[in-house]
Structures are given as C-alpha cells and as structure tokens.
Amino acid sequence: MAIQTQMRRLLMFFIALFVVVSGFLVYWQTYWPVADAQQYTRYQQCMASDQPIRGRIYDRNGVLLAWSVPDPNSPCGWRRRYATAAHPSISSFLGYFSYIYGSTGIEHYYNDILSGQTGSTTDFNSASQQYLNKILHRPVYGQDIYLSI
C-alpha cells in the first residue's frame, strides 16, 4: 500500500513537471518571438555624434557605388544607398550597412575608415578637436574610399 502511494506521488510530480515545461515551451514558441520582435521596431533616434555620417565608396573610375542620404525614418537619420541598379554585379562584394542588422562585405571591412574612426589621436590638435566635437555633439564624417575595381 505504501509503495502505491509513493508511485502515485511520483506520477503526480512528473505530470506537474510535464505541464510546467509544456507551458513554458508554448510561451517560448508563441509569445516570446512577438515580444522580441517589438524591440527591433521600437528603436529610438540616436544622436548625430553617436553614429557618424559614413563616407562614400567609389570605383577606380570615380563612379559612386555607395552613399548616405538623409532619412527621417532611419534610426540615426541616415540611410545607405547603393548603385546596384546600374551595377548589379557589385552587390555581392560591396555588402551592406544597417544600423539594426550590422554590415557585410566592403562596408564591414572598411568600417573604421567609412565611419571616421581612423583619425590620428597622437597629436594634441586632432585629439582635442575630436574631444570638442564629441562634447558639442557635432557629427563625425567618415572618409571616402576608392576601390580598384
């Protein structure tokens, strides 16, 4: 009789554990992705000093391949545009840049140059100018790059 009581309690424990784990998995599969996706749609505008105005990308003939345009709907007020309509073969190695999804290709490889983070801070004048720009929230302008394609 005592063994049946113990078995019944053990069975009830496993049934309760199964219900709790199943409830968590249902929540995880249905409600969690919706809540997680809302954080990407509710981004806030960033300050101009936080995200630089990216430099342009040119090919060896001076044809503009990538540039930034003002966009009030973008997280930081700028959206990247590409000349892939005129030159569709460049999209694979040129990559892309997004404030939300990151960067790939040339945009990722030359990110420091395009975002203006490669400035020399070894001399006093450039270091003080960068510090002053950061205090006054002035935008940082990235450098343009010229590819050999």
N, C-alpha and C. Protein backbone atom coordinates (compact mmCIF):
# COMPACT_ATOMS: atom_id res chain seq x y z
N MET A 1 0.81 -1.19 0.00
CA MET A 1 0.00 0.00 0.00
C MET A 1 0.86 1.26 0.00
N ALA A 2 1.95 1.25 0.75
CA ALA A 2 2.83 2.41 0.83
C ALA A 2 3.54 2.63 -0.50
N ILE A 3 3.86 1.56 -1.19
CA ILE A 3 4.54 1.69 -2.48
C ILE A 3 3.61 2.32 -3.52
N GLN A 4 2.30 2.01 -3.44
CA GLN A 4 1.34 2.60 -4.37
C GLN A 4 1.21 4.10 -4.12
N THR A 5 1.23 4.52 -2.88
CA THR A 5 1.15 5.94 -2.53
C THR A 5 2.38 6.68 -3.04
N GLN A 6 3.54 6.08 -2.89
CA GLN A 6 4.76 6.70 -3.38
C GLN A 6 4.76 6.79 -4.90
N MET A 7 4.31 5.75 -5.56
CA MET A 7 4.23 5.75 -7.02
C MET A 7 3.24 6.81 -7.51
N ARG A 8 2.11 6.94 -6.82
CA ARG A 8 1.11 7.92 -7.20
C ARG A 8 1.68 9.34 -7.05
N ARG A 9 2.40 9.62 -5.95
CA ARG A 9 3.01 10.93 -5.74
C ARG A 9 4.08 11.21 -6.81
N LEU A 10 4.87 10.21 -7.14
CA LEU A 10 5.88 10.37 -8.17
C LEU A 10 5.24 10.64 -9.53
N LEU A 11 4.15 9.94 -9.82
CA LEU A 11 3.43 10.16 -11.07
C LEU A 11 2.86 11.57 -11.12
N MET A 12 2.28 12.04 -10.04
CA MET A 12 1.73 13.40 -9.99
C MET A 12 2.83 14.45 -10.13
N PHE A 13 4.00 14.17 -9.54
CA PHE A 13 5.12 15.10 -9.68
C PHE A 13 5.53 15.22 -11.15
N PHE A 14 5.66 14.07 -11.84
CA PHE A 14 6.06 14.11 -13.24
C PHE A 14 4.99 14.72 -14.13
N ILE A 15 3.73 14.52 -13.82
CA ILE A 15 2.66 15.16 -14.59
C ILE A 15 2.72 16.67 -14.40
N ALA A 16 2.91 17.14 -13.16
CA ALA A 16 3.02 18.58 -12.90
C ALA A 16 4.25 19.16 -13.60
N LEU A 17 5.36 18.44 -13.56
CA LEU A 17 6.57 18.89 -14.23
C LEU A 17 6.34 18.97 -15.74
N PHE A 18 5.66 17.99 -16.31
CA PHE A 18 5.35 17.99 -17.73
C PHE A 18 4.48 19.19 -18.10
N VAL A 19 3.48 19.51 -17.28
CA VAL A 19 2.59 20.65 -17.55
C VAL A 19 3.37 21.96 -17.50
N VAL A 20 4.26 22.11 -16.52
CA VAL A 20 5.05 23.34 -16.38
C VAL A 20 6.00 23.50 -17.57
N VAL A 21 6.70 22.45 -17.94
CA VAL A 21 7.62 22.52 -19.08
C VAL A 21 6.86 22.76 -20.37
N SER A 22 5.73 22.12 -20.56
CA SER A 22 4.91 22.34 -21.76
C SER A 22 4.41 23.78 -21.83
N GLY A 23 3.98 24.31 -20.68
CA GLY A 23 3.52 25.70 -20.64
C GLY A 23 4.63 26.68 -21.00
N PHE A 24 5.83 26.43 -20.47
CA PHE A 24 6.96 27.29 -20.82
C PHE A 24 7.29 27.19 -22.30
N LEU A 25 7.27 25.99 -22.88
CA LEU A 25 7.57 25.83 -24.30
C LEU A 25 6.52 26.50 -25.18
N VAL A 26 5.26 26.43 -24.80
CA VAL A 26 4.22 27.13 -25.56
C VAL A 26 4.46 28.63 -25.51
N TYR A 27 4.76 29.15 -24.32
CA TYR A 27 5.06 30.58 -24.19
C TYR A 27 6.27 30.95 -25.04
N TRP A 28 7.31 30.12 -24.98
CA TRP A 28 8.55 30.40 -25.69
C TRP A 28 8.34 30.41 -27.21
N GLN A 29 7.47 29.52 -27.71
CA GLN A 29 7.24 29.42 -29.14
C GLN A 29 6.26 30.46 -29.68
N THR A 30 5.32 30.91 -28.86
CA THR A 30 4.28 31.80 -29.39
C THR A 30 4.43 33.25 -28.97
N TYR A 31 4.68 33.54 -27.72
CA TYR A 31 4.67 34.91 -27.25
C TYR A 31 6.05 35.56 -27.21
N TRP A 32 7.08 34.79 -26.96
CA TRP A 32 8.41 35.35 -26.86
C TRP A 32 8.91 35.95 -28.18
N PRO A 33 8.73 35.30 -29.34
CA PRO A 33 9.17 35.93 -30.59
C PRO A 33 8.47 37.25 -30.88
N VAL A 34 7.21 37.36 -30.50
CA VAL A 34 6.48 38.61 -30.74
C VAL A 34 7.06 39.72 -29.88
N ALA A 35 7.33 39.44 -28.61
CA ALA A 35 7.91 40.44 -27.72
C ALA A 35 9.32 40.79 -28.15
N ASP A 36 10.08 39.81 -28.63
CA ASP A 36 11.45 40.05 -29.07
C ASP A 36 11.47 40.88 -30.35
N ALA A 37 10.52 40.65 -31.25
CA ALA A 37 10.47 41.40 -32.50
C ALA A 37 10.08 42.86 -32.26
N GLN A 38 9.32 43.13 -31.21
CA GLN A 38 8.91 44.50 -30.95
C GLN A 38 10.08 45.38 -30.54
N GLN A 39 11.12 44.82 -29.98
CA GLN A 39 12.26 45.64 -29.59
C GLN A 39 12.99 46.17 -30.82
N TYR A 40 12.92 45.47 -31.96
CA TYR A 40 13.57 45.94 -33.17
C TYR A 40 12.75 47.01 -33.88
N THR A 41 11.44 47.01 -33.67
CA THR A 41 10.61 48.01 -34.32
C THR A 41 10.49 49.28 -33.50
N ARG A 42 10.85 49.23 -32.22
CA ARG A 42 10.75 50.41 -31.37
C ARG A 42 12.14 50.97 -31.08
N TYR A 43 12.90 51.30 -32.10
CA TYR A 43 14.20 51.89 -31.88
C TYR A 43 14.04 53.40 -31.71
N GLN A 44 15.01 54.01 -31.09
CA GLN A 44 14.98 55.44 -30.86
C GLN A 44 16.01 56.11 -31.74
N GLN A 45 15.76 57.37 -32.05
CA GLN A 45 16.73 58.13 -32.82
C GLN A 45 18.00 58.27 -32.00
N CYS A 46 19.13 58.11 -32.65
CA CYS A 46 20.39 58.31 -31.95
C CYS A 46 20.90 59.71 -32.25
N MET A 47 21.80 60.16 -31.43
CA MET A 47 22.37 61.49 -31.63
C MET A 47 23.36 61.44 -32.79
N ALA A 48 23.55 62.57 -33.43
CA ALA A 48 24.44 62.62 -34.60
C ALA A 48 25.87 62.26 -34.23
N SER A 49 26.29 62.57 -33.02
CA SER A 49 27.66 62.26 -32.62
C SER A 49 27.84 60.79 -32.32
N ASP A 50 26.76 60.06 -32.06
CA ASP A 50 26.86 58.64 -31.77
C ASP A 50 27.11 57.82 -33.02
N GLN A 51 26.47 58.17 -34.12
CA GLN A 51 26.64 57.44 -35.37
C GLN A 51 27.14 58.40 -36.44
N PRO A 52 28.29 58.16 -37.00
CA PRO A 52 28.85 59.08 -37.99
C PRO A 52 28.13 59.01 -39.32
N ILE A 53 28.33 60.06 -40.10
CA ILE A 53 27.85 60.06 -41.48
C ILE A 53 28.91 59.32 -42.28
N ARG A 54 28.54 58.19 -42.81
CA ARG A 54 29.51 57.31 -43.46
C ARG A 54 30.03 57.92 -44.75
N GLY A 55 31.28 57.58 -45.05
CA GLY A 55 31.91 58.04 -46.27
C GLY A 55 31.34 57.33 -47.49
N ARG A 56 31.65 57.87 -48.64
CA ARG A 56 31.16 57.29 -49.91
C ARG A 56 32.17 56.27 -50.43
N ILE A 57 31.67 55.37 -51.25
CA ILE A 57 32.53 54.35 -51.89
C ILE A 57 32.49 54.58 -53.39
N TYR A 58 33.68 54.72 -53.98
CA TYR A 58 33.82 54.94 -55.42
C TYR A 58 34.59 53.77 -56.02
N ASP A 59 34.40 53.56 -57.33
CA ASP A 59 35.25 52.60 -58.02
C ASP A 59 36.47 53.34 -58.57
N ARG A 60 37.33 52.66 -59.32
CA ARG A 60 38.58 53.29 -59.77
C ARG A 60 38.35 54.41 -60.78
N ASN A 61 37.19 54.44 -61.43
CA ASN A 61 36.88 55.49 -62.40
C ASN A 61 36.13 56.66 -61.77
N GLY A 62 35.89 56.60 -60.48
CA GLY A 62 35.19 57.68 -59.79
C GLY A 62 33.68 57.54 -59.83
N VAL A 63 33.18 56.36 -60.20
CA VAL A 63 31.73 56.12 -60.21
C VAL A 63 31.29 55.85 -58.77
N LEU A 64 30.27 56.56 -58.34
CA LEU A 64 29.77 56.43 -56.98
C LEU A 64 29.03 55.10 -56.82
N LEU A 65 29.46 54.28 -55.86
CA LEU A 65 28.86 52.97 -55.63
C LEU A 65 27.98 52.93 -54.39
N ALA A 66 28.33 53.69 -53.34
CA ALA A 66 27.56 53.70 -52.09
C ALA A 66 27.65 55.08 -51.47
N TRP A 67 26.55 55.56 -50.91
CA TRP A 67 26.50 56.87 -50.29
C TRP A 67 25.37 56.90 -49.25
N SER A 68 25.39 57.90 -48.40
CA SER A 68 24.37 58.05 -47.36
C SER A 68 23.45 59.21 -47.73
N VAL A 69 22.17 59.02 -47.48
CA VAL A 69 21.17 60.07 -47.73
C VAL A 69 20.38 60.31 -46.45
N PRO A 70 19.95 61.56 -46.22
CA PRO A 70 19.13 61.82 -45.03
C PRO A 70 17.80 61.09 -45.13
N ASP A 71 17.39 60.48 -44.03
CA ASP A 71 16.12 59.76 -43.97
C ASP A 71 15.57 59.89 -42.55
N PRO A 72 14.46 60.60 -42.37
CA PRO A 72 13.91 60.78 -41.02
C PRO A 72 13.36 59.48 -40.42
N ASN A 73 13.11 58.46 -41.23
CA ASN A 73 12.58 57.20 -40.72
C ASN A 73 13.67 56.22 -40.29
N SER A 74 14.91 56.54 -40.58
CA SER A 74 16.03 55.68 -40.21
C SER A 74 16.39 55.92 -38.74
N PRO A 75 16.94 54.91 -38.06
CA PRO A 75 17.26 55.06 -36.63
C PRO A 75 18.18 56.24 -36.32
N CYS A 76 19.12 56.54 -37.18
CA CYS A 76 20.06 57.64 -36.90
C CYS A 76 19.95 58.78 -37.89
N GLY A 77 18.90 58.79 -38.67
CA GLY A 77 18.67 59.90 -39.59
C GLY A 77 19.34 59.77 -40.94
N TRP A 78 20.05 58.68 -41.18
CA TRP A 78 20.75 58.46 -42.45
C TRP A 78 20.46 57.05 -42.94
N ARG A 79 20.33 56.90 -44.24
CA ARG A 79 20.14 55.59 -44.85
C ARG A 79 21.18 55.42 -45.95
N ARG A 80 21.69 54.24 -46.06
CA ARG A 80 22.72 53.93 -47.05
C ARG A 80 22.07 53.56 -48.36
N ARG A 81 22.56 54.12 -49.46
CA ARG A 81 22.07 53.81 -50.81
C ARG A 81 23.21 53.21 -51.62
N TYR A 82 22.85 52.34 -52.57
CA TYR A 82 23.84 51.64 -53.38
C TYR A 82 23.48 51.74 -54.85
N ALA A 83 24.49 51.71 -55.71
CA ALA A 83 24.29 51.80 -57.15
C ALA A 83 24.13 50.42 -57.75
N THR A 84 23.40 49.54 -57.09
CA THR A 84 23.25 48.18 -57.58
C THR A 84 22.27 48.08 -58.75
N ALA A 85 21.44 49.09 -58.95
CA ALA A 85 20.55 49.06 -60.11
C ALA A 85 21.35 49.24 -61.40
N ALA A 86 22.33 50.13 -61.37
CA ALA A 86 23.17 50.35 -62.55
C ALA A 86 24.28 49.31 -62.66
N HIS A 87 24.73 48.79 -61.53
CA HIS A 87 25.83 47.83 -61.50
C HIS A 87 25.44 46.66 -60.60
N PRO A 88 24.62 45.74 -61.06
CA PRO A 88 24.15 44.66 -60.18
C PRO A 88 25.24 43.69 -59.73
N SER A 89 26.35 43.62 -60.44
CA SER A 89 27.39 42.66 -60.08
C SER A 89 28.18 43.08 -58.84
N ILE A 90 28.04 44.31 -58.39
CA ILE A 90 28.82 44.78 -57.23
C ILE A 90 28.19 44.42 -55.90
N SER A 91 26.94 44.02 -55.90
CA SER A 91 26.24 43.83 -54.62
C SER A 91 26.83 42.71 -53.79
N SER A 92 27.40 41.70 -54.40
CA SER A 92 27.92 40.56 -53.63
C SER A 92 29.15 40.93 -52.81
N PHE A 93 30.06 41.70 -53.34
CA PHE A 93 31.26 42.04 -52.56
C PHE A 93 31.13 43.39 -51.86
N LEU A 94 30.25 44.27 -52.34
CA LEU A 94 30.08 45.57 -51.69
C LEU A 94 29.41 45.40 -50.33
N GLY A 95 28.49 44.46 -50.23
CA GLY A 95 27.81 44.20 -48.97
C GLY A 95 26.76 45.25 -48.67
N TYR A 96 26.50 45.45 -47.38
CA TYR A 96 25.52 46.45 -46.97
C TYR A 96 25.88 46.95 -45.58
N PHE A 97 25.27 48.08 -45.21
CA PHE A 97 25.41 48.61 -43.85
C PHE A 97 24.02 48.96 -43.34
N SER A 98 23.72 48.55 -42.12
CA SER A 98 22.45 48.85 -41.48
C SER A 98 22.70 49.12 -40.01
N TYR A 99 22.01 50.12 -39.46
CA TYR A 99 22.16 50.43 -38.04
C TYR A 99 21.55 49.33 -37.18
N ILE A 100 20.66 48.55 -37.73
CA ILE A 100 19.99 47.49 -36.98
C ILE A 100 20.68 46.15 -37.19
N TYR A 101 21.00 45.81 -38.45
CA TYR A 101 21.50 44.47 -38.78
C TYR A 101 23.00 44.38 -38.94
N GLY A 102 23.71 45.48 -38.89
CA GLY A 102 25.16 45.42 -39.00
C GLY A 102 25.66 45.65 -40.42
N SER A 103 26.79 45.05 -40.75
CA SER A 103 27.39 45.29 -42.06
C SER A 103 28.07 44.03 -42.57
N THR A 104 28.27 43.99 -43.89
CA THR A 104 28.97 42.89 -44.54
C THR A 104 29.83 43.43 -45.68
N GLY A 105 30.67 42.59 -46.22
CA GLY A 105 31.45 42.91 -47.41
C GLY A 105 32.42 44.08 -47.21
N ILE A 106 32.53 44.90 -48.25
CA ILE A 106 33.41 46.08 -48.22
C ILE A 106 32.98 47.03 -47.11
N GLU A 107 31.69 47.17 -46.91
CA GLU A 107 31.17 48.04 -45.85
C GLU A 107 31.69 47.60 -44.48
N HIS A 108 31.81 46.31 -44.27
CA HIS A 108 32.30 45.80 -42.99
C HIS A 108 33.82 45.89 -42.90
N TYR A 109 34.49 45.55 -43.99
CA TYR A 109 35.95 45.51 -43.98
C TYR A 109 36.55 46.90 -43.75
N TYR A 110 35.98 47.92 -44.40
CA TYR A 110 36.47 49.29 -44.27
C TYR A 110 35.60 50.12 -43.34
N ASN A 111 34.97 49.50 -42.36
CA ASN A 111 34.06 50.21 -41.46
C ASN A 111 34.75 51.34 -40.70
N ASP A 112 35.97 51.12 -40.23
CA ASP A 112 36.67 52.16 -39.47
C ASP A 112 36.93 53.40 -40.32
N ILE A 113 37.29 53.19 -41.58
CA ILE A 113 37.55 54.33 -42.47
C ILE A 113 36.25 55.02 -42.83
N LEU A 114 35.23 54.25 -43.20
CA LEU A 114 33.96 54.83 -43.63
C LEU A 114 33.24 55.55 -42.49
N SER A 115 33.44 55.11 -41.27
CA SER A 115 32.76 55.73 -40.15
C SER A 115 33.60 56.82 -39.47
N GLY A 116 34.80 57.10 -39.96
CA GLY A 116 35.62 58.18 -39.42
C GLY A 116 36.28 57.85 -38.11
N GLN A 117 36.55 56.60 -37.84
CA GLN A 117 37.16 56.20 -36.57
C GLN A 117 38.66 55.98 -36.69
N THR A 118 39.26 56.30 -37.83
CA THR A 118 40.69 56.03 -38.01
C THR A 118 41.53 57.28 -37.86
N GLY A 119 40.96 58.37 -37.38
CA GLY A 119 41.70 59.61 -37.23
C GLY A 119 42.86 59.47 -36.26
N SER A 120 43.90 60.22 -36.51
CA SER A 120 45.08 60.16 -35.64
C SER A 120 44.81 60.96 -34.37
N THR A 121 44.94 60.31 -33.26
CA THR A 121 44.77 60.99 -31.97
C THR A 121 46.11 61.11 -31.25
N THR A 122 47.20 60.98 -31.99
CA THR A 122 48.51 61.06 -31.35
C THR A 122 48.95 62.49 -31.12
N ASP A 123 48.54 63.40 -32.00
CA ASP A 123 48.91 64.80 -31.76
C ASP A 123 47.80 65.52 -30.99
N PHE A 124 48.17 66.56 -30.32
CA PHE A 124 47.26 67.26 -29.42
C PHE A 124 46.10 67.91 -30.16
N ASN A 125 46.35 68.49 -31.34
CA ASN A 125 45.31 69.22 -32.06
C ASN A 125 44.17 68.31 -32.51
N SER A 126 44.50 67.17 -33.10
CA SER A 126 43.44 66.28 -33.58
C SER A 126 42.69 65.63 -32.42
N ALA A 127 43.41 65.30 -31.34
CA ALA A 127 42.75 64.71 -30.18
C ALA A 127 41.82 65.71 -29.52
N SER A 128 42.26 66.96 -29.38
CA SER A 128 41.39 67.97 -28.77
C SER A 128 40.21 68.29 -29.67
N GLN A 129 40.41 68.26 -30.99
CA GLN A 129 39.30 68.52 -31.91
C GLN A 129 38.26 67.40 -31.83
N GLN A 130 38.70 66.15 -31.75
CA GLN A 130 37.75 65.04 -31.59
C GLN A 130 37.00 65.15 -30.27
N TYR A 131 37.69 65.53 -29.22
CA TYR A 131 37.05 65.68 -27.91
C TYR A 131 36.03 66.81 -27.94
N LEU A 132 36.38 67.94 -28.57
CA LEU A 132 35.47 69.07 -28.68
C LEU A 132 34.24 68.71 -29.51
N ASN A 133 34.43 68.00 -30.60
CA ASN A 133 33.30 67.56 -31.42
C ASN A 133 32.37 66.64 -30.66
N LYS A 134 32.93 65.78 -29.84
CA LYS A 134 32.10 64.87 -29.05
C LYS A 134 31.31 65.63 -27.99
N ILE A 135 31.94 66.61 -27.34
CA ILE A 135 31.23 67.41 -26.32
C ILE A 135 30.11 68.22 -26.95
N LEU A 136 30.36 68.81 -28.12
CA LEU A 136 29.37 69.66 -28.78
C LEU A 136 28.38 68.86 -29.64
N HIS A 137 28.51 67.54 -29.64
CA HIS A 137 27.62 66.64 -30.40
C HIS A 137 27.60 66.98 -31.89
N ARG A 138 28.76 67.28 -32.41
CA ARG A 138 28.89 67.52 -33.84
C ARG A 138 28.99 66.17 -34.56
N PRO A 139 28.43 66.08 -35.75
CA PRO A 139 28.52 64.79 -36.45
C PRO A 139 29.94 64.48 -36.90
N VAL A 140 30.24 63.21 -36.94
CA VAL A 140 31.53 62.74 -37.43
C VAL A 140 31.33 62.33 -38.89
N TYR A 141 32.20 62.79 -39.76
CA TYR A 141 32.12 62.46 -41.17
C TYR A 141 33.18 61.41 -41.49
N GLY A 142 32.74 60.33 -42.10
CA GLY A 142 33.67 59.28 -42.50
C GLY A 142 34.42 59.66 -43.75
N GLN A 143 35.50 58.95 -44.01
CA GLN A 143 36.31 59.21 -45.18
C GLN A 143 35.79 58.42 -46.37
N ASP A 144 35.96 58.97 -47.56
CA ASP A 144 35.59 58.27 -48.78
C ASP A 144 36.69 57.27 -49.14
N ILE A 145 36.29 56.16 -49.78
CA ILE A 145 37.28 55.19 -50.23
C ILE A 145 37.11 54.97 -51.74
N TYR A 146 38.21 54.67 -52.39
CA TYR A 146 38.24 54.38 -53.81
C TYR A 146 38.74 52.95 -54.00
N LEU A 147 37.91 52.13 -54.62
CA LEU A 147 38.25 50.74 -54.84
C LEU A 147 38.99 50.59 -56.15
N SER A 148 39.69 49.50 -56.34
CA SER A 148 40.45 49.28 -57.57
C SER A 148 39.67 48.38 -58.53
N ILE A 149 38.36 48.40 -58.46
CA ILE A 149 37.57 47.58 -59.38
C ILE A 149 37.07 48.40 -60.55
